[in-house]
Amino acid sequence: MARLMERYRSEILPSLKSELGRENELSLPKLTKVVVSMGLGKAIGERKRLEEAAQHLASITGQKPLITKSRKAVSGFRLREGMEIGCMVTLRGRRMYEFLDRLISLALPRVRDFRGVNPNGFDGHGNYSMGLTEQLVFPEVNPDKVNFVQGMNITMVTTARNNDEGRLLLKKLGIPFRKD
């Protein structure tokens, strides 16, 4: 079992029960899924860029990424409908907790000038989104074999009723929020 999943069940759930004042475990907020995506606008002309980003995303998450395609044509960006412009992975269960554990304990401390993640990344329903500027902060990516530095978006979807419950859950999981 993943280390963070075990900690959620043994430590975090009881503390959430007492802080939120609810006895039913099913009414407490929990993490549903984590979506990791890379938008590759520069990959329109270079197929190699897309393949490399998908390979890095697969090594980071442990799951084969889905190649996303454009829905509309935008002439200003020389983009046609159906062109491959990104990749994404949806993580659930054990893989989700393992990825989150590696993100919190290994990747975020390796970010340059890191003072915590932005506490304003919530969407109003308890879901949190954040961005990383490069994939090199993950130890699975070999910096010598990287030709293109690429950022990524990470969205954590919870069952929280509002932002405060979502923030409380993610804080207990170990997400280091910036103190203003």
C-alpha atoms as a PDB file:
ATOM      1  CA  MET A   1       0.000   0.000   0.000  1.00  0.00           C
ATOM      2  CA  ALA A   2       1.219   3.500  -0.752  1.00  0.00           C
ATOM      3  CA  ARG A   3       2.736   5.347   2.198  1.00  0.00           C
ATOM      4  CA  LEU A   4       0.520   8.423   1.813  1.00  0.00           C
ATOM      5  CA  MET A   5      -2.616   6.276   1.444  1.00  0.00           C
ATOM      6  CA  GLU A   6      -1.812   4.480   4.698  1.00  0.00           C
ATOM      7  CA  ARG A   7      -1.223   7.824   6.437  1.00  0.00           C
ATOM      8  CA  TYR A   8      -4.550   9.129   5.110  1.00  0.00           C
ATOM      9  CA  ARG A   9      -6.435   6.171   6.565  1.00  0.00           C
ATOM     10  CA  SER A  10      -4.669   6.027   9.920  1.00  0.00           C
ATOM     11  CA  GLU A  11      -3.938   9.691  10.799  1.00  0.00           C
ATOM     12  CA  ILE A  12      -5.717  12.133   8.495  1.00  0.00           C
ATOM     13  CA  LEU A  13      -9.248  10.650   8.565  1.00  0.00           C
ATOM     14  CA  PRO A  14      -9.520  10.722  12.391  1.00  0.00           C
ATOM     15  CA  SER A  15      -8.212  14.293  12.556  1.00  0.00           C
ATOM     16  CA  LEU A  16     -10.636  15.395   9.808  1.00  0.00           C
ATOM     17  CA  LYS A  17     -13.488  13.789  11.783  1.00  0.00           C
ATOM     18  CA  SER A  18     -12.669  15.833  14.858  1.00  0.00           C
ATOM     19  CA  GLU A  19     -11.964  19.122  13.028  1.00  0.00           C
ATOM     20  CA  LEU A  20     -15.033  19.022  10.777  1.00  0.00           C
ATOM     21  CA  GLY A  21     -17.281  17.509  13.458  1.00  0.00           C
ATOM     22  CA  ARG A  22     -18.601  14.644  11.343  1.00  0.00           C
ATOM     23  CA  GLU A  23     -18.728  10.971  12.282  1.00  0.00           C
ATOM     24  CA  ASN A  24     -19.540   9.508   8.872  1.00  0.00           C
ATOM     25  CA  GLU A  25     -16.284   8.801   7.005  1.00  0.00           C
ATOM     26  CA  LEU A  26     -18.027   8.993   3.636  1.00  0.00           C
ATOM     27  CA  SER A  27     -18.951  12.642   4.243  1.00  0.00           C
ATOM     28  CA  LEU A  28     -15.316  13.609   4.835  1.00  0.00           C
ATOM     29  CA  PRO A  29     -13.289  15.061   1.946  1.00  0.00           C
ATOM     30  CA  LYS A  30     -10.979  12.685   0.099  1.00  0.00           C
ATOM     31  CA  LEU A  31      -8.828  12.764  -2.996  1.00  0.00           C
ATOM     32  CA  THR A  32     -10.601  11.334  -6.066  1.00  0.00           C
ATOM     33  CA  LYS A  33      -8.036  11.742  -8.836  1.00  0.00           C
ATOM     34  CA  VAL A  34      -4.961  13.668  -9.928  1.00  0.00           C
ATOM     35  CA  VAL A  35      -4.710  14.856 -13.535  1.00  0.00           C
ATOM     36  CA  VAL A  36      -1.245  15.699 -14.892  1.00  0.00           C
ATOM     37  CA  SER A  37      -1.187  17.419 -18.285  1.00  0.00           C
ATOM     38  CA  MET A  38       1.339  19.033 -20.600  1.00  0.00           C
ATOM     39  CA  GLY A  39       0.281  21.545 -23.221  1.00  0.00           C
ATOM     40  CA  LEU A  40       2.696  21.400 -26.135  1.00  0.00           C
ATOM     41  CA  GLY A  41       1.876  24.286 -28.431  1.00  0.00           C
ATOM     42  CA  LYS A  42       5.382  24.168 -29.935  1.00  0.00           C
ATOM     43  CA  ALA A  43       4.855  20.530 -30.924  1.00  0.00           C
ATOM     44  CA  ILE A  44       2.814  21.583 -33.973  1.00  0.00           C
ATOM     45  CA  GLY A  45       5.929  21.652 -36.127  1.00  0.00           C
ATOM     46  CA  GLU A  46       8.027  19.130 -34.220  1.00  0.00           C
ATOM     47  CA  ARG A  47       6.682  15.618 -33.654  1.00  0.00           C
ATOM     48  CA  LYS A  48       9.794  14.723 -31.642  1.00  0.00           C
ATOM     49  CA  ARG A  49       8.869  17.256 -28.954  1.00  0.00           C
ATOM     50  CA  LEU A  50       5.509  15.567 -28.352  1.00  0.00           C
ATOM     51  CA  GLU A  51       7.063  12.093 -28.192  1.00  0.00           C
ATOM     52  CA  GLU A  52       9.709  13.226 -25.696  1.00  0.00           C
ATOM     53  CA  ALA A  53       7.129  14.954 -23.463  1.00  0.00           C
ATOM     54  CA  ALA A  54       4.903  11.851 -23.512  1.00  0.00           C
ATOM     55  CA  GLN A  55       7.883   9.679 -22.603  1.00  0.00           C
ATOM     56  CA  HIS A  56       8.799  11.949 -19.661  1.00  0.00           C
ATOM     57  CA  LEU A  57       5.184  12.051 -18.465  1.00  0.00           C
ATOM     58  CA  ALA A  58       5.021   8.252 -18.590  1.00  0.00           C
ATOM     59  CA  SER A  59       8.196   7.906 -16.515  1.00  0.00           C
ATOM     60  CA  ILE A  60       7.014  10.508 -13.971  1.00  0.00           C
ATOM     61  CA  THR A  61       3.516   9.070 -13.446  1.00  0.00           C
ATOM     62  CA  GLY A  62       4.063   5.379 -14.208  1.00  0.00           C
ATOM     63  CA  GLN A  63       1.178   5.357 -16.680  1.00  0.00           C
ATOM     64  CA  LYS A  64       0.971   5.803 -20.462  1.00  0.00           C
ATOM     65  CA  PRO A  65      -0.265   9.324 -21.335  1.00  0.00           C
ATOM     66  CA  LEU A  66      -3.181  10.127 -23.608  1.00  0.00           C
ATOM     67  CA  ILE A  67      -2.245  12.343 -26.561  1.00  0.00           C
ATOM     68  CA  THR A  68      -4.710  15.243 -26.688  1.00  0.00           C
ATOM     69  CA  LYS A  69      -5.847  16.806 -29.951  1.00  0.00           C
ATOM     70  CA  SER A  70      -7.098  20.280 -30.773  1.00  0.00           C
ATOM     71  CA  ARG A  71     -10.853  20.769 -30.953  1.00  0.00           C
ATOM     72  CA  LYS A  72     -10.847  23.939 -33.048  1.00  0.00           C
ATOM     73  CA  ALA A  73      -8.780  25.470 -35.791  1.00  0.00           C
ATOM     74  CA  VAL A  74      -7.035  28.736 -34.849  1.00  0.00           C
ATOM     75  CA  SER A  75      -5.330  30.379 -37.808  1.00  0.00           C
ATOM     76  CA  GLY A  76      -3.305  32.745 -35.616  1.00  0.00           C
ATOM     77  CA  PHE A  77      -1.513  29.786 -34.038  1.00  0.00           C
ATOM     78  CA  ARG A  78      -1.334  27.781 -37.318  1.00  0.00           C
ATOM     79  CA  LEU A  79      -3.476  25.164 -35.613  1.00  0.00           C
ATOM     80  CA  ARG A  80      -5.909  22.866 -37.401  1.00  0.00           C
ATOM     81  CA  GLU A  81      -8.626  20.753 -35.870  1.00  0.00           C
ATOM     82  CA  GLY A  82      -7.381  17.322 -34.824  1.00  0.00           C
ATOM     83  CA  MET A  83      -3.692  18.229 -34.495  1.00  0.00           C
ATOM     84  CA  GLU A  84      -1.846  16.647 -31.555  1.00  0.00           C
ATOM     85  CA  ILE A  85      -1.024  19.434 -29.110  1.00  0.00           C
ATOM     86  CA  GLY A  86      -0.564  17.865 -25.674  1.00  0.00           C
ATOM     87  CA  CYS A  87      -0.635  14.845 -23.413  1.00  0.00           C
ATOM     88  CA  MET A  88      -2.319  14.016 -20.122  1.00  0.00           C
ATOM     89  CA  VAL A  89      -2.576  11.293 -17.479  1.00  0.00           C
ATOM     90  CA  THR A  90      -5.398  10.683 -14.987  1.00  0.00           C
ATOM     91  CA  LEU A  91      -4.184   8.938 -11.830  1.00  0.00           C
ATOM     92  CA  ARG A  92      -6.456   7.187  -9.348  1.00  0.00           C
ATOM     93  CA  GLY A  93      -5.984   4.903  -6.350  1.00  0.00           C
ATOM     94  CA  ARG A  94      -2.535   3.679  -5.385  1.00  0.00           C
ATOM     95  CA  ARG A  95      -0.732   5.372  -8.305  1.00  0.00           C
ATOM     96  CA  MET A  96      -2.331   8.700  -7.391  1.00  0.00           C
ATOM     97  CA  TYR A  97      -1.081   8.521  -3.802  1.00  0.00           C
ATOM     98  CA  GLU A  98       2.411   7.402  -4.910  1.00  0.00           C
ATOM     99  CA  PHE A  99       2.642  10.297  -7.389  1.00  0.00           C
ATOM    100  CA  LEU A 100       1.446  12.782  -4.776  1.00  0.00           C
ATOM    101  CA  ASP A 101       3.962  11.440  -2.255  1.00  0.00           C
ATOM    102  CA  ARG A 102       6.810  11.898  -4.761  1.00  0.00           C
ATOM    103  CA  LEU A 103       5.539  15.366  -5.691  1.00  0.00           C
ATOM    104  CA  ILE A 104       5.435  16.525  -2.056  1.00  0.00           C
ATOM    105  CA  SER A 105       8.608  14.904  -0.753  1.00  0.00           C
ATOM    106  CA  LEU A 106      10.931  14.969  -3.800  1.00  0.00           C
ATOM    107  CA  ALA A 107       9.823  17.299  -6.595  1.00  0.00           C
ATOM    108  CA  LEU A 108       8.554  20.426  -4.830  1.00  0.00           C
ATOM    109  CA  PRO A 109      11.671  20.818  -2.633  1.00  0.00           C
ATOM    110  CA  ARG A 110      13.781  20.722  -5.824  1.00  0.00           C
ATOM    111  CA  VAL A 111      11.986  23.730  -7.359  1.00  0.00           C
ATOM    112  CA  ARG A 112      14.222  26.804  -7.441  1.00  0.00           C
ATOM    113  CA  ASP A 113      13.276  29.568  -4.950  1.00  0.00           C
ATOM    114  CA  PHE A 114      10.380  27.503  -3.624  1.00  0.00           C
ATOM    115  CA  ARG A 115       8.375  29.206  -0.880  1.00  0.00           C
ATOM    116  CA  GLY A 116       5.248  27.066  -1.097  1.00  0.00           C
ATOM    117  CA  VAL A 117       2.449  26.552  -3.618  1.00  0.00           C
ATOM    118  CA  ASN A 118      -0.085  29.288  -4.301  1.00  0.00           C
ATOM    119  CA  PRO A 119      -3.032  29.002  -1.859  1.00  0.00           C
ATOM    120  CA  ASN A 120      -5.372  30.659  -4.395  1.00  0.00           C
ATOM    121  CA  GLY A 121      -5.403  27.745  -6.869  1.00  0.00           C
ATOM    122  CA  PHE A 122      -8.790  26.429  -5.712  1.00  0.00           C
ATOM    123  CA  ASP A 123     -11.818  26.436  -8.038  1.00  0.00           C
ATOM    124  CA  GLY A 124     -14.652  26.957  -5.534  1.00  0.00           C
ATOM    125  CA  HIS A 125     -15.507  23.256  -5.179  1.00  0.00           C
ATOM    126  CA  GLY A 126     -12.401  22.137  -3.265  1.00  0.00           C
ATOM    127  CA  ASN A 127     -10.333  21.116  -6.310  1.00  0.00           C
ATOM    128  CA  TYR A 128      -6.785  22.476  -6.546  1.00  0.00           C
ATOM    129  CA  SER A 129      -4.665  23.220  -9.631  1.00  0.00           C
ATOM    130  CA  MET A 130      -0.999  24.104  -9.764  1.00  0.00           C
ATOM    131  CA  GLY A 131       1.713  24.345 -12.382  1.00  0.00           C
ATOM    132  CA  LEU A 132       5.353  23.356 -12.602  1.00  0.00           C
ATOM    133  CA  THR A 133       7.683  25.149 -15.019  1.00  0.00           C
ATOM    134  CA  GLU A 134       9.880  22.154 -15.819  1.00  0.00           C
ATOM    135  CA  GLN A 135       9.765  18.372 -15.660  1.00  0.00           C
ATOM    136  CA  LEU A 136      13.372  18.208 -14.397  1.00  0.00           C
ATOM    137  CA  VAL A 137      12.288  18.557 -10.746  1.00  0.00           C
ATOM    138  CA  PHE A 138      11.221  14.894 -10.790  1.00  0.00           C
ATOM    139  CA  PRO A 139      14.104  12.468 -10.132  1.00  0.00           C
ATOM    140  CA  GLU A 140      12.750  10.005 -12.744  1.00  0.00           C
ATOM    141  CA  VAL A 141      13.751  12.360 -15.566  1.00  0.00           C
ATOM    142  CA  ASN A 142      17.416  12.206 -16.533  1.00  0.00           C
ATOM    143  CA  PRO A 143      18.553  15.825 -17.165  1.00  0.00           C
ATOM    144  CA  ASP A 144      21.228  14.672 -19.650  1.00  0.00           C
ATOM    145  CA  LYS A 145      18.627  13.154 -21.982  1.00  0.00           C
ATOM    146  CA  VAL A 146      16.240  16.141 -21.965  1.00  0.00           C
ATOM    147  CA  ASN A 147      16.203  18.123 -25.207  1.00  0.00           C
ATOM    148  CA  PHE A 148      13.125  20.271 -24.472  1.00  0.00           C
ATOM    149  CA  VAL A 149      12.240  21.655 -21.048  1.00  0.00           C
ATOM    150  CA  GLN A 150       8.475  21.446 -20.625  1.00  0.00           C
ATOM    151  CA  GLY A 151       6.103  22.557 -17.865  1.00  0.00           C
ATOM    152  CA  MET A 152       3.050  20.711 -16.609  1.00  0.00           C
ATOM    153  CA  ASN A 153      -0.280  21.325 -14.901  1.00  0.00           C
ATOM    154  CA  ILE A 154      -1.353  19.229 -11.924  1.00  0.00           C
ATOM    155  CA  THR A 155      -4.989  19.175 -10.812  1.00  0.00           C
ATOM    156  CA  MET A 156      -6.068  17.454  -7.595  1.00  0.00           C
ATOM    157  CA  VAL A 157      -9.784  16.616  -7.590  1.00  0.00           C
ATOM    158  CA  THR A 158     -11.388  16.150  -4.161  1.00  0.00           C
ATOM    159  CA  THR A 159     -14.846  15.377  -2.808  1.00  0.00           C
ATOM    160  CA  ALA A 160     -14.699  18.492  -0.593  1.00  0.00           C
ATOM    161  CA  ARG A 161     -17.802  20.695  -0.390  1.00  0.00           C
ATOM    162  CA  ASN A 162     -15.880  23.978  -0.542  1.00  0.00           C
ATOM    163  CA  ASN A 163     -12.379  25.431  -0.787  1.00  0.00           C
ATOM    164  CA  ASP A 164     -11.800  25.447   2.969  1.00  0.00           C
ATOM    165  CA  GLU A 165     -12.393  21.685   3.273  1.00  0.00           C
ATOM    166  CA  GLY A 166     -10.202  21.041   0.230  1.00  0.00           C
ATOM    167  CA  ARG A 167      -7.424  23.224   1.640  1.00  0.00           C
ATOM    168  CA  LEU A 168      -7.649  21.426   4.995  1.00  0.00           C
ATOM    169  CA  LEU A 169      -7.407  18.003   3.309  1.00  0.00           C
ATOM    170  CA  LEU A 170      -4.452  18.962   1.114  1.00  0.00           C
ATOM    171  CA  LYS A 171      -2.659  20.639   4.033  1.00  0.00           C
ATOM    172  CA  LYS A 172      -3.019  17.430   6.069  1.00  0.00           C
ATOM    173  CA  LEU A 173      -1.728  15.388   3.097  1.00  0.00           C
ATOM    174  CA  GLY A 174       1.400  17.550   3.162  1.00  0.00           C
ATOM    175  CA  ILE A 175       0.976  20.094   0.361  1.00  0.00           C
ATOM    176  CA  PRO A 176       3.142  23.068   1.429  1.00  0.00           C
ATOM    177  CA  PHE A 177       0.987  26.159   0.932  1.00  0.00           C
ATOM    178  CA  ARG A 178       2.701  29.560   0.839  1.00  0.00           C
ATOM    179  CA  LYS A 179       2.136  31.757   3.873  1.00  0.00           C
ATOM    180  CA  ASP A 180       1.263  35.320   2.890  1.00  0.00           C
END
